[in-house]
Amino acid sequence: MRRVCFLLKVRQDHIDEYRARHAAVWPEMRAALSATGWHNYSLFLRDDGLLVGYLETEDFEAARAGMEATEVNARWQAEMAPFFESLDGSRPDEAMTPLTEVFHLD
């Protein structure tokens, strides 16, 4: 299982709404993530908008491609895009660039 961590930046004026949206993620979105290989997926949000994402998956590119093929992901990404800084025309899920793991204590 590969561990994947990524960073994004939530706009300061959207932090409260971003938290509210993630307190009630659509059941069909949750089901699609699970079905496409996203495991142990967590998001951590700092008060300044720094978002840290973590997940485990067998194949990150396959998991991303699986989600990209779903209709629910297209709707979710369209709704979430205005919440983020520096996407440069990308959707939030396209901007998830995995960080390089330099240490792991098992």
PDB file of N, CA and C in Angstrom:
ATOM      1  N   MET A   1       0.854  -1.177   0.000  1.00  0.00           N
ATOM      2  CA  MET A   1       0.000   0.000   0.000  1.00  0.00           C
ATOM      3  C   MET A   1       0.899   1.239   0.000  1.00  0.00           C
ATOM      4  N   ARG A   2       0.645   2.151  -0.902  1.00  0.00           N
ATOM      5  CA  ARG A   2       1.414   3.388  -0.984  1.00  0.00           C
ATOM      6  C   ARG A   2       0.745   4.464  -0.125  1.00  0.00           C
ATOM      7  N   ARG A   3       1.545   5.190   0.638  1.00  0.00           N
ATOM      8  CA  ARG A   3       1.067   6.344   1.400  1.00  0.00           C
ATOM      9  C   ARG A   3       1.275   7.583   0.540  1.00  0.00           C
ATOM     10  N   VAL A   4       0.255   8.420   0.435  1.00  0.00           N
ATOM     11  CA  VAL A   4       0.328   9.626  -0.381  1.00  0.00           C
ATOM     12  C   VAL A   4      -0.058  10.819   0.486  1.00  0.00           C
ATOM     13  N   CYS A   5       0.760  11.856   0.430  1.00  0.00           N
ATOM     14  CA  CYS A   5       0.470  13.099   1.142  1.00  0.00           C
ATOM     15  C   CYS A   5       0.581  14.245   0.149  1.00  0.00           C
ATOM     16  N   PHE A   6      -0.319  15.212   0.243  1.00  0.00           N
ATOM     17  CA  PHE A   6      -0.296  16.364  -0.655  1.00  0.00           C
ATOM     18  C   PHE A   6      -0.732  17.616   0.100  1.00  0.00           C
ATOM     19  N   LEU A   7      -0.400  18.784  -0.469  1.00  0.00           N
ATOM     20  CA  LEU A   7      -0.753  20.077   0.109  1.00  0.00           C
ATOM     21  C   LEU A   7      -1.583  20.873  -0.886  1.00  0.00           C
ATOM     22  N   LEU A   8      -2.565  21.587  -0.372  1.00  0.00           N
ATOM     23  CA  LEU A   8      -3.323  22.571  -1.137  1.00  0.00           C
ATOM     24  C   LEU A   8      -3.549  23.774  -0.219  1.00  0.00           C
ATOM     25  N   LYS A   9      -4.055  24.860  -0.771  1.00  0.00           N
ATOM     26  CA  LYS A   9      -4.291  26.057   0.044  1.00  0.00           C
ATOM     27  C   LYS A   9      -5.733  26.502  -0.137  1.00  0.00           C
ATOM     28  N   VAL A  10      -6.496  26.496   0.965  1.00  0.00           N
ATOM     29  CA  VAL A  10      -7.880  26.952   0.973  1.00  0.00           C
ATOM     30  C   VAL A  10      -7.873  28.468   1.185  1.00  0.00           C
ATOM     31  N   ARG A  11      -8.696  29.170   0.441  1.00  0.00           N
ATOM     32  CA  ARG A  11      -8.796  30.633   0.586  1.00  0.00           C
ATOM     33  C   ARG A  11      -9.253  30.973   2.011  1.00  0.00           C
ATOM     34  N   GLN A  12      -8.647  31.975   2.591  1.00  0.00           N
ATOM     35  CA  GLN A  12      -8.957  32.379   3.968  1.00  0.00           C
ATOM     36  C   GLN A  12     -10.445  32.659   4.163  1.00  0.00           C
ATOM     37  N   ASP A  13     -11.066  33.305   3.176  1.00  0.00           N
ATOM     38  CA  ASP A  13     -12.478  33.673   3.315  1.00  0.00           C
ATOM     39  C   ASP A  13     -13.435  32.508   3.047  1.00  0.00           C
ATOM     40  N   HIS A  14     -12.893  31.318   2.775  1.00  0.00           N
ATOM     41  CA  HIS A  14     -13.722  30.141   2.516  1.00  0.00           C
ATOM     42  C   HIS A  14     -13.494  29.009   3.533  1.00  0.00           C
ATOM     43  N   ILE A  15     -12.673  29.253   4.531  1.00  0.00           N
ATOM     44  CA  ILE A  15     -12.305  28.175   5.459  1.00  0.00           C
ATOM     45  C   ILE A  15     -13.516  27.610   6.207  1.00  0.00           C
ATOM     46  N   ASP A  16     -14.361  28.463   6.746  1.00  0.00           N
ATOM     47  CA  ASP A  16     -15.524  27.965   7.495  1.00  0.00           C
ATOM     48  C   ASP A  16     -16.450  27.141   6.616  1.00  0.00           C
ATOM     49  N   GLU A  17     -16.711  27.615   5.407  1.00  0.00           N
ATOM     50  CA  GLU A  17     -17.576  26.874   4.489  1.00  0.00           C
ATOM     51  C   GLU A  17     -16.914  25.571   4.040  1.00  0.00           C
ATOM     52  N   TYR A  18     -15.602  25.590   3.850  1.00  0.00           N
ATOM     53  CA  TYR A  18     -14.884  24.372   3.475  1.00  0.00           C
ATOM     54  C   TYR A  18     -15.037  23.319   4.576  1.00  0.00           C
ATOM     55  N   ARG A  19     -14.872  23.736   5.819  1.00  0.00           N
ATOM     56  CA  ARG A  19     -15.059  22.801   6.940  1.00  0.00           C
ATOM     57  C   ARG A  19     -16.480  22.256   6.967  1.00  0.00           C
ATOM     58  N   ALA A  20     -17.452  23.124   6.758  1.00  0.00           N
ATOM     59  CA  ALA A  20     -18.855  22.700   6.775  1.00  0.00           C
ATOM     60  C   ALA A  20     -19.144  21.684   5.669  1.00  0.00           C
ATOM     61  N   ARG A  21     -18.611  21.922   4.475  1.00  0.00           N
ATOM     62  CA  ARG A  21     -18.823  20.987   3.366  1.00  0.00           C
ATOM     63  C   ARG A  21     -18.226  19.615   3.676  1.00  0.00           C
ATOM     64  N   HIS A  22     -17.082  19.603   4.333  1.00  0.00           N
ATOM     65  CA  HIS A  22     -16.436  18.328   4.612  1.00  0.00           C
ATOM     66  C   HIS A  22     -16.994  17.636   5.858  1.00  0.00           C
ATOM     67  N   ALA A  23     -17.795  18.338   6.614  1.00  0.00           N
ATOM     68  CA  ALA A  23     -18.511  17.698   7.720  1.00  0.00           C
ATOM     69  C   ALA A  23     -19.704  16.904   7.191  1.00  0.00           C
ATOM     70  N   ALA A  24     -20.046  17.152   5.918  1.00  0.00           N
ATOM     71  CA  ALA A  24     -21.208  16.478   5.316  1.00  0.00           C
ATOM     72  C   ALA A  24     -20.897  16.072   3.874  1.00  0.00           C
ATOM     73  N   VAL A  25     -19.809  15.344   3.676  1.00  0.00           N
ATOM     74  CA  VAL A  25     -19.456  14.869   2.331  1.00  0.00           C
ATOM     75  C   VAL A  25     -20.561  13.950   1.832  1.00  0.00           C
ATOM     76  N   TRP A  26     -20.958  14.141   0.595  1.00  0.00           N
ATOM     77  CA  TRP A  26     -22.053  13.359   0.018  1.00  0.00           C
ATOM     78  C   TRP A  26     -21.771  11.857   0.131  1.00  0.00           C
ATOM     79  N   PRO A  27     -22.760  11.080   0.497  1.00  0.00           N
ATOM     80  CA  PRO A  27     -22.567   9.625   0.585  1.00  0.00           C
ATOM     81  C   PRO A  27     -22.058   9.010  -0.719  1.00  0.00           C
ATOM     82  N   GLU A  28     -22.542   9.507  -1.859  1.00  0.00           N
ATOM     83  CA  GLU A  28     -22.087   8.955  -3.139  1.00  0.00           C
ATOM     84  C   GLU A  28     -20.630   9.317  -3.433  1.00  0.00           C
ATOM     85  N   MET A  29     -20.153  10.435  -2.901  1.00  0.00           N
ATOM     86  CA  MET A  29     -18.740  10.795  -3.048  1.00  0.00           C
ATOM     87  C   MET A  29     -17.879   9.877  -2.185  1.00  0.00           C
ATOM     88  N   ARG A  30     -18.314   9.653  -0.958  1.00  0.00           N
ATOM     89  CA  ARG A  30     -17.594   8.737  -0.066  1.00  0.00           C
ATOM     90  C   ARG A  30     -17.519   7.337  -0.674  1.00  0.00           C
ATOM     91  N   ALA A  31     -18.634   6.873  -1.227  1.00  0.00           N
ATOM     92  CA  ALA A  31     -18.685   5.539  -1.836  1.00  0.00           C
ATOM     93  C   ALA A  31     -17.756   5.460  -3.048  1.00  0.00           C
ATOM     94  N   ALA A  32     -17.729   6.501  -3.864  1.00  0.00           N
ATOM     95  CA  ALA A  32     -16.869   6.508  -5.057  1.00  0.00           C
ATOM     96  C   ALA A  32     -15.395   6.480  -4.658  1.00  0.00           C
ATOM     97  N   LEU A  33     -15.012   7.235  -3.651  1.00  0.00           N
ATOM     98  CA  LEU A  33     -13.625   7.214  -3.182  1.00  0.00           C
ATOM     99  C   LEU A  33     -13.226   5.810  -2.739  1.00  0.00           C
ATOM    100  N   SER A  34     -14.061   5.193  -1.949  1.00  0.00           N
ATOM    101  CA  SER A  34     -13.768   3.828  -1.488  1.00  0.00           C
ATOM    102  C   SER A  34     -13.691   2.845  -2.650  1.00  0.00           C
ATOM    103  N   ALA A  35     -14.621   2.956  -3.580  1.00  0.00           N
ATOM    104  CA  ALA A  35     -14.684   2.015  -4.703  1.00  0.00           C
ATOM    105  C   ALA A  35     -13.495   2.150  -5.652  1.00  0.00           C
ATOM    106  N   THR A  36     -12.878   3.331  -5.685  1.00  0.00           N
ATOM    107  CA  THR A  36     -11.769   3.554  -6.621  1.00  0.00           C
ATOM    108  C   THR A  36     -10.403   3.450  -5.961  1.00  0.00           C
ATOM    109  N   GLY A  37     -10.367   2.951  -4.722  1.00  0.00           N
ATOM    110  CA  GLY A  37      -9.085   2.638  -4.110  1.00  0.00           C
ATOM    111  C   GLY A  37      -8.490   3.673  -3.172  1.00  0.00           C
ATOM    112  N   TRP A  38      -9.280   4.608  -2.695  1.00  0.00           N
ATOM    113  CA  TRP A  38      -8.813   5.600  -1.724  1.00  0.00           C
ATOM    114  C   TRP A  38      -9.092   5.043  -0.330  1.00  0.00           C
ATOM    115  N   HIS A  39      -8.044   4.775   0.430  1.00  0.00           N
ATOM    116  CA  HIS A  39      -8.186   4.201   1.769  1.00  0.00           C
ATOM    117  C   HIS A  39      -7.525   5.115   2.796  1.00  0.00           C
ATOM    118  N   ASN A  40      -8.077   5.091   3.997  1.00  0.00           N
ATOM    119  CA  ASN A  40      -7.499   5.859   5.103  1.00  0.00           C
ATOM    120  C   ASN A  40      -7.269   7.312   4.687  1.00  0.00           C
ATOM    121  N   TYR A  41      -8.228   7.880   3.952  1.00  0.00           N
ATOM    122  CA  TYR A  41      -8.119   9.225   3.396  1.00  0.00           C
ATOM    123  C   TYR A  41      -8.494  10.247   4.463  1.00  0.00           C
ATOM    124  N   SER A  42      -7.604  11.188   4.704  1.00  0.00           N
ATOM    125  CA  SER A  42      -7.834  12.234   5.705  1.00  0.00           C
ATOM    126  C   SER A  42      -7.422  13.579   5.142  1.00  0.00           C
ATOM    127  N   LEU A  43      -8.117  14.618   5.582  1.00  0.00           N
ATOM    128  CA  LEU A  43      -7.743  16.000   5.274  1.00  0.00           C
ATOM    129  C   LEU A  43      -7.557  16.735   6.589  1.00  0.00           C
ATOM    130  N   PHE A  44      -6.481  17.502   6.676  1.00  0.00           N
ATOM    131  CA  PHE A  44      -6.176  18.307   7.850  1.00  0.00           C
ATOM    132  C   PHE A  44      -6.069  19.757   7.397  1.00  0.00           C
ATOM    133  N   LEU A  45      -6.747  20.667   8.103  1.00  0.00           N
ATOM    134  CA  LEU A  45      -6.784  22.067   7.694  1.00  0.00           C
ATOM    135  C   LEU A  45      -6.271  22.961   8.810  1.00  0.00           C
ATOM    136  N   ARG A  46      -5.225  23.709   8.492  1.00  0.00           N
ATOM    137  CA  ARG A  46      -4.674  24.678   9.439  1.00  0.00           C
ATOM    138  C   ARG A  46      -5.495  25.963   9.350  1.00  0.00           C
ATOM    139  N   ASP A  47      -5.483  26.768  10.401  1.00  0.00           N
ATOM    140  CA  ASP A  47      -6.293  27.981  10.445  1.00  0.00           C
ATOM    141  C   ASP A  47      -5.946  28.995   9.359  1.00  0.00           C
ATOM    142  N   ASP A  48      -4.731  28.927   8.799  1.00  0.00           N
ATOM    143  CA  ASP A  48      -4.363  29.849   7.730  1.00  0.00           C
ATOM    144  C   ASP A  48      -4.737  29.325   6.342  1.00  0.00           C
ATOM    145  N   GLY A  49      -5.385  28.146   6.276  1.00  0.00           N
ATOM    146  CA  GLY A  49      -5.845  27.602   5.012  1.00  0.00           C
ATOM    147  C   GLY A  49      -4.973  26.509   4.430  1.00  0.00           C
ATOM    148  N   LEU A  50      -3.827  26.218   5.049  1.00  0.00           N
ATOM    149  CA  LEU A  50      -2.997  25.127   4.547  1.00  0.00           C
ATOM    150  C   LEU A  50      -3.746  23.810   4.746  1.00  0.00           C
ATOM    151  N   LEU A  51      -3.942  23.082   3.660  1.00  0.00           N
ATOM    152  CA  LEU A  51      -4.646  21.808   3.691  1.00  0.00           C
ATOM    153  C   LEU A  51      -3.650  20.691   3.423  1.00  0.00           C
ATOM    154  N   VAL A  52      -3.611  19.717   4.317  1.00  0.00           N
ATOM    155  CA  VAL A  52      -2.761  18.547   4.165  1.00  0.00           C
ATOM    156  C   VAL A  52      -3.677  17.355   3.948  1.00  0.00           C
ATOM    157  N   GLY A  53      -3.458  16.659   2.842  1.00  0.00           N
ATOM    158  CA  GLY A  53      -4.232  15.464   2.539  1.00  0.00           C
ATOM    159  C   GLY A  53      -3.357  14.238   2.666  1.00  0.00           C
ATOM    160  N   TYR A  54      -3.949  13.153   3.143  1.00  0.00           N
ATOM    161  CA  TYR A  54      -3.228  11.883   3.290  1.00  0.00           C
ATOM    162  C   TYR A  54      -4.159  10.758   2.884  1.00  0.00           C
ATOM    163  N   LEU A  55      -3.629   9.802   2.127  1.00  0.00           N
ATOM    164  CA  LEU A  55      -4.393   8.615   1.791  1.00  0.00           C
ATOM    165  C   LEU A  55      -3.446   7.451   1.563  1.00  0.00           C
ATOM    166  N   GLU A  56      -4.009   6.281   1.548  1.00  0.00           N
ATOM    167  CA  GLU A  56      -3.277   5.066   1.214  1.00  0.00           C
ATOM    168  C   GLU A  56      -3.992   4.417   0.047  1.00  0.00           C
ATOM    169  N   THR A  57      -3.210   3.911  -0.900  1.00  0.00           N
ATOM    170  CA  THR A  57      -3.778   3.309  -2.094  1.00  0.00           C
ATOM    171  C   THR A  57      -2.762   2.374  -2.738  1.00  0.00           C
ATOM    172  N   GLU A  58      -3.246   1.410  -3.457  1.00  0.00           N
ATOM    173  CA  GLU A  58      -2.351   0.510  -4.195  1.00  0.00           C
ATOM    174  C   GLU A  58      -1.680   1.249  -5.352  1.00  0.00           C
ATOM    175  N   ASP A  59      -2.434   2.119  -6.018  1.00  0.00           N
ATOM    176  CA  ASP A  59      -1.941   2.806  -7.214  1.00  0.00           C
ATOM    177  C   ASP A  59      -2.606   4.188  -7.270  1.00  0.00           C
ATOM    178  N   PHE A  60      -1.864   5.241  -6.940  1.00  0.00           N
ATOM    179  CA  PHE A  60      -2.433   6.579  -6.859  1.00  0.00           C
ATOM    180  C   PHE A  60      -2.970   7.043  -8.215  1.00  0.00           C
ATOM    181  N   GLU A  61      -2.243   6.815  -9.282  1.00  0.00           N
ATOM    182  CA  GLU A  61      -2.712   7.256 -10.597  1.00  0.00           C
ATOM    183  C   GLU A  61      -4.000   6.524 -10.991  1.00  0.00           C
ATOM    184  N   ALA A  62      -4.089   5.249 -10.689  1.00  0.00           N
ATOM    185  CA  ALA A  62      -5.311   4.494 -10.980  1.00  0.00           C
ATOM    186  C   ALA A  62      -6.467   4.989 -10.106  1.00  0.00           C
ATOM    187  N   ALA A  63      -6.194   5.305  -8.848  1.00  0.00           N
ATOM    188  CA  ALA A  63      -7.228   5.823  -7.949  1.00  0.00           C
ATOM    189  C   ALA A  63      -7.734   7.180  -8.450  1.00  0.00           C
ATOM    190  N   ARG A  64      -6.820   8.046  -8.886  1.00  0.00           N
ATOM    191  CA  ARG A  64      -7.212   9.350  -9.441  1.00  0.00           C
ATOM    192  C   ARG A  64      -8.026   9.168 -10.713  1.00  0.00           C
ATOM    193  N   ALA A  65      -7.565   8.296 -11.591  1.00  0.00           N
ATOM    194  CA  ALA A  65      -8.275   8.054 -12.854  1.00  0.00           C
ATOM    195  C   ALA A  65      -9.668   7.474 -12.594  1.00  0.00           C
ATOM    196  N   GLY A  66      -9.765   6.592 -11.622  1.00  0.00           N
ATOM    197  CA  GLY A  66     -11.060   6.028 -11.272  1.00  0.00           C
ATOM    198  C   GLY A  66     -12.039   7.097 -10.822  1.00  0.00           C
ATOM    199  N   MET A  67     -11.566   8.018  -9.997  1.00  0.00           N
ATOM    200  CA  MET A  67     -12.428   9.113  -9.554  1.00  0.00           C
ATOM    201  C   MET A  67     -12.773  10.050 -10.697  1.00  0.00           C
ATOM    202  N   GLU A  68     -11.803  10.309 -11.563  1.00  0.00           N
ATOM    203  CA  GLU A  68     -12.059  11.212 -12.688  1.00  0.00           C
ATOM    204  C   GLU A  68     -13.175  10.692 -13.589  1.00  0.00           C
ATOM    205  N   ALA A  69     -13.342   9.390 -13.625  1.00  0.00           N
ATOM    206  CA  ALA A  69     -14.370   8.771 -14.470  1.00  0.00           C
ATOM    207  C   ALA A  69     -15.760   8.832 -13.854  1.00  0.00           C
ATOM    208  N   THR A  70     -15.882   9.295 -12.617  1.00  0.00           N
ATOM    209  CA  THR A  70     -17.196   9.327 -11.963  1.00  0.00           C
ATOM    210  C   THR A  70     -17.877  10.678 -12.134  1.00  0.00           C
ATOM    211  N   GLU A  71     -19.169  10.644 -12.260  1.00  0.00           N
ATOM    212  CA  GLU A  71     -19.969  11.862 -12.379  1.00  0.00           C
ATOM    213  C   GLU A  71     -19.978  12.637 -11.068  1.00  0.00           C
ATOM    214  N   VAL A  72     -20.002  11.928  -9.942  1.00  0.00           N
ATOM    215  CA  VAL A  72     -20.059  12.606  -8.648  1.00  0.00           C
ATOM    216  C   VAL A  72     -18.787  13.415  -8.410  1.00  0.00           C
ATOM    217  N   ASN A  73     -17.647  12.916  -8.858  1.00  0.00           N
ATOM    218  CA  ASN A  73     -16.405  13.658  -8.690  1.00  0.00           C
ATOM    219  C   ASN A  73     -16.425  14.944  -9.509  1.00  0.00           C
ATOM    220  N   ALA A  74     -16.958  14.893 -10.715  1.00  0.00           N
ATOM    221  CA  ALA A  74     -17.051  16.105 -11.545  1.00  0.00           C
ATOM    222  C   ALA A  74     -17.879  17.173 -10.831  1.00  0.00           C
ATOM    223  N   ARG A  75     -18.989  16.771 -10.240  1.00  0.00           N
ATOM    224  CA  ARG A  75     -19.827  17.730  -9.505  1.00  0.00           C
ATOM    225  C   ARG A  75     -19.108  18.276  -8.281  1.00  0.00           C
ATOM    226  N   TRP A  76     -18.458  17.369  -7.510  1.00  0.00           N
ATOM    227  CA  TRP A  76     -17.755  17.775  -6.286  1.00  0.00           C
ATOM    228  C   TRP A  76     -16.614  18.744  -6.610  1.00  0.00           C
ATOM    229  N   GLN A  77     -15.807  18.413  -7.609  1.00  0.00           N
ATOM    230  CA  GLN A  77     -14.668  19.259  -7.963  1.00  0.00           C
ATOM    231  C   GLN A  77     -15.128  20.629  -8.444  1.00  0.00           C
ATOM    232  N   ALA A  78     -16.213  20.683  -9.194  1.00  0.00           N
ATOM    233  CA  ALA A  78     -16.752  21.967  -9.658  1.00  0.00           C
ATOM    234  C   ALA A  78     -17.197  22.825  -8.480  1.00  0.00           C
ATOM    235  N   GLU A  79     -17.786  22.211  -7.474  1.00  0.00           N
ATOM    236  CA  GLU A  79     -18.223  22.965  -6.295  1.00  0.00           C
ATOM    237  C   GLU A  79     -17.058  23.381  -5.404  1.00  0.00           C
ATOM    238  N   MET A  80     -16.008  22.577  -5.356  1.00  0.00           N
ATOM    239  CA  MET A  80     -14.877  22.850  -4.463  1.00  0.00           C
ATOM    240  C   MET A  80     -13.841  23.803  -5.058  1.00  0.00           C
ATOM    241  N   ALA A  81     -13.745  23.905  -6.366  1.00  0.00           N
ATOM    242  CA  ALA A  81     -12.704  24.716  -7.013  1.00  0.00           C
ATOM    243  C   ALA A  81     -12.632  26.148  -6.474  1.00  0.00           C
ATOM    244  N   PRO A  82     -13.748  26.847  -6.250  1.00  0.00           N
ATOM    245  CA  PRO A  82     -13.651  28.231  -5.768  1.00  0.00           C
ATOM    246  C   PRO A  82     -13.067  28.364  -4.354  1.00  0.00           C
ATOM    247  N   PHE A  83     -12.945  27.279  -3.631  1.00  0.00           N
ATOM    248  CA  PHE A  83     -12.429  27.312  -2.269  1.00  0.00           C
ATOM    249  C   PHE A  83     -10.902  27.418  -2.215  1.00  0.00           C
ATOM    250  N   PHE A  84     -10.212  27.159  -3.332  1.00  0.00           N
ATOM    251  CA  PHE A  84      -8.762  27.019  -3.317  1.00  0.00           C
ATOM    252  C   PHE A  84      -8.023  28.166  -3.979  1.00  0.00           C
ATOM    253  N   GLU A  85      -6.792  28.400  -3.501  1.00  0.00           N
ATOM    254  CA  GLU A  85      -5.864  29.346  -4.111  1.00  0.00           C
ATOM    255  C   GLU A  85      -4.962  28.596  -5.087  1.00  0.00           C
ATOM    256  N   SER A  86      -4.449  29.296  -6.050  1.00  0.00           N
ATOM    257  CA  SER A  86      -3.366  28.836  -6.930  1.00  0.00           C
ATOM    258  C   SER A  86      -3.628  27.529  -7.659  1.00  0.00           C
ATOM    259  N   LEU A  87      -4.814  27.362  -8.192  1.00  0.00           N
ATOM    260  CA  LEU A  87      -5.079  26.154  -8.968  1.00  0.00           C
ATOM    261  C   LEU A  87      -4.683  26.333 -10.433  1.00  0.00           C
ATOM    262  N   ASP A  88      -4.521  27.565 -10.875  1.00  0.00           N
ATOM    263  CA  ASP A  88      -4.103  27.863 -12.249  1.00  0.00           C
ATOM    264  C   ASP A  88      -4.925  27.111 -13.291  1.00  0.00           C
ATOM    265  N   GLY A  89      -6.235  27.112 -13.107  1.00  0.00           N
ATOM    266  CA  GLY A  89      -7.125  26.470 -14.065  1.00  0.00           C
ATOM    267  C   GLY A  89      -7.342  24.980 -13.843  1.00  0.00           C
ATOM    268  N   SER A  90      -6.600  24.389 -12.929  1.00  0.00           N
ATOM    269  CA  SER A  90      -6.776  22.969 -12.628  1.00  0.00           C
ATOM    270  C   SER A  90      -7.910  22.778 -11.633  1.00  0.00           C
ATOM    271  N   ARG A  91      -8.459  21.573 -11.617  1.00  0.00           N
ATOM    272  CA  ARG A  91      -9.401  21.210 -10.559  1.00  0.00           C
ATOM    273  C   ARG A  91      -8.584  20.872  -9.313  1.00  0.00           C
ATOM    274  N   PRO A  92      -9.197  20.947  -8.125  1.00  0.00           N
ATOM    275  CA  PRO A  92      -8.452  20.594  -6.902  1.00  0.00           C
ATOM    276  C   PRO A  92      -7.845  19.196  -6.962  1.00  0.00           C
ATOM    277  N   ASP A  93      -8.569  18.221  -7.507  1.00  0.00           N
ATOM    278  CA  ASP A  93      -8.025  16.855  -7.552  1.00  0.00           C
ATOM    279  C   ASP A  93      -6.862  16.730  -8.530  1.00  0.00           C
ATOM    280  N   GLU A  94      -6.780  17.605  -9.515  1.00  0.00           N
ATOM    281  CA  GLU A  94      -5.648  17.608 -10.443  1.00  0.00           C
ATOM    282  C   GLU A  94      -4.414  18.258  -9.821  1.00  0.00           C
ATOM    283  N   ALA A  95      -4.627  19.099  -8.810  1.00  0.00           N
ATOM    284  CA  ALA A  95      -3.528  19.831  -8.173  1.00  0.00           C
ATOM    285  C   ALA A  95      -2.892  19.053  -7.019  1.00  0.00           C
ATOM    286  N   MET A  96      -3.383  17.860  -6.755  1.00  0.00           N
ATOM    287  CA  MET A  96      -2.822  17.025  -5.683  1.00  0.00           C
ATOM    288  C   MET A  96      -1.488  16.446  -6.135  1.00  0.00           C
ATOM    289  N   THR A  97      -0.410  17.110  -5.814  1.00  0.00           N
ATOM    290  CA  THR A  97       0.920  16.625  -6.173  1.00  0.00           C
ATOM    291  C   THR A  97       1.508  15.916  -4.962  1.00  0.00           C
ATOM    292  N   PRO A  98       1.744  14.615  -5.059  1.00  0.00           N
ATOM    293  CA  PRO A  98       2.265  13.890  -3.896  1.00  0.00           C
ATOM    294  C   PRO A  98       3.623  14.419  -3.444  1.00  0.00           C
ATOM    295  N   LEU A  99       3.783  14.526  -2.133  1.00  0.00           N
ATOM    296  CA  LEU A  99       5.063  14.888  -1.543  1.00  0.00           C
ATOM    297  C   LEU A  99       5.948  13.645  -1.499  1.00  0.00           C
ATOM    298  N   THR A 100       7.239  13.861  -1.470  1.00  0.00           N
ATOM    299  CA  THR A 100       8.177  12.755  -1.372  1.00  0.00           C
ATOM    300  C   THR A 100       8.315  12.333   0.080  1.00  0.00           C
ATOM    301  N   GLU A 101       8.068  11.067   0.355  1.00  0.00           N
ATOM    302  CA  GLU A 101       8.217  10.558   1.703  1.00  0.00           C
ATOM    303  C   GLU A 101       9.708  10.408   2.023  1.00  0.00           C
ATOM    304  N   VAL A 102      10.145  10.988   3.146  1.00  0.00           N
ATOM    305  CA  VAL A 102      11.557  10.902   3.515  1.00  0.00           C
ATOM    306  C   VAL A 102      11.766  10.070   4.789  1.00  0.00           C
ATOM    307  N   PHE A 103      10.693   9.752   5.512  1.00  0.00           N
ATOM    308  CA  PHE A 103      10.819   8.926   6.715  1.00  0.00           C
ATOM    309  C   PHE A 103       9.464   8.330   7.034  1.00  0.00           C
ATOM    310  N   HIS A 104       9.497   7.110   7.539  1.00  0.00           N
ATOM    311  CA  HIS A 104       8.282   6.439   8.009  1.00  0.00           C
ATOM    312  C   HIS A 104       8.660   5.503   9.148  1.00  0.00           C
ATOM    313  N   LEU A 105       7.977   5.637  10.279  1.00  0.00           N
ATOM    314  CA  LEU A 105       8.178   4.736  11.420  1.00  0.00           C
ATOM    315  C   LEU A 105       6.982   3.798  11.459  1.00  0.00           C
ATOM    316  N   ASP A 106       7.242   2.532  11.275  1.00  0.00           N
ATOM    317  CA  ASP A 106       6.163   1.553  11.273  1.00  0.00           C
ATOM    318  C   ASP A 106       6.075   0.862  12.617  1.00  0.00           C
TER     319      ASP A 106
END
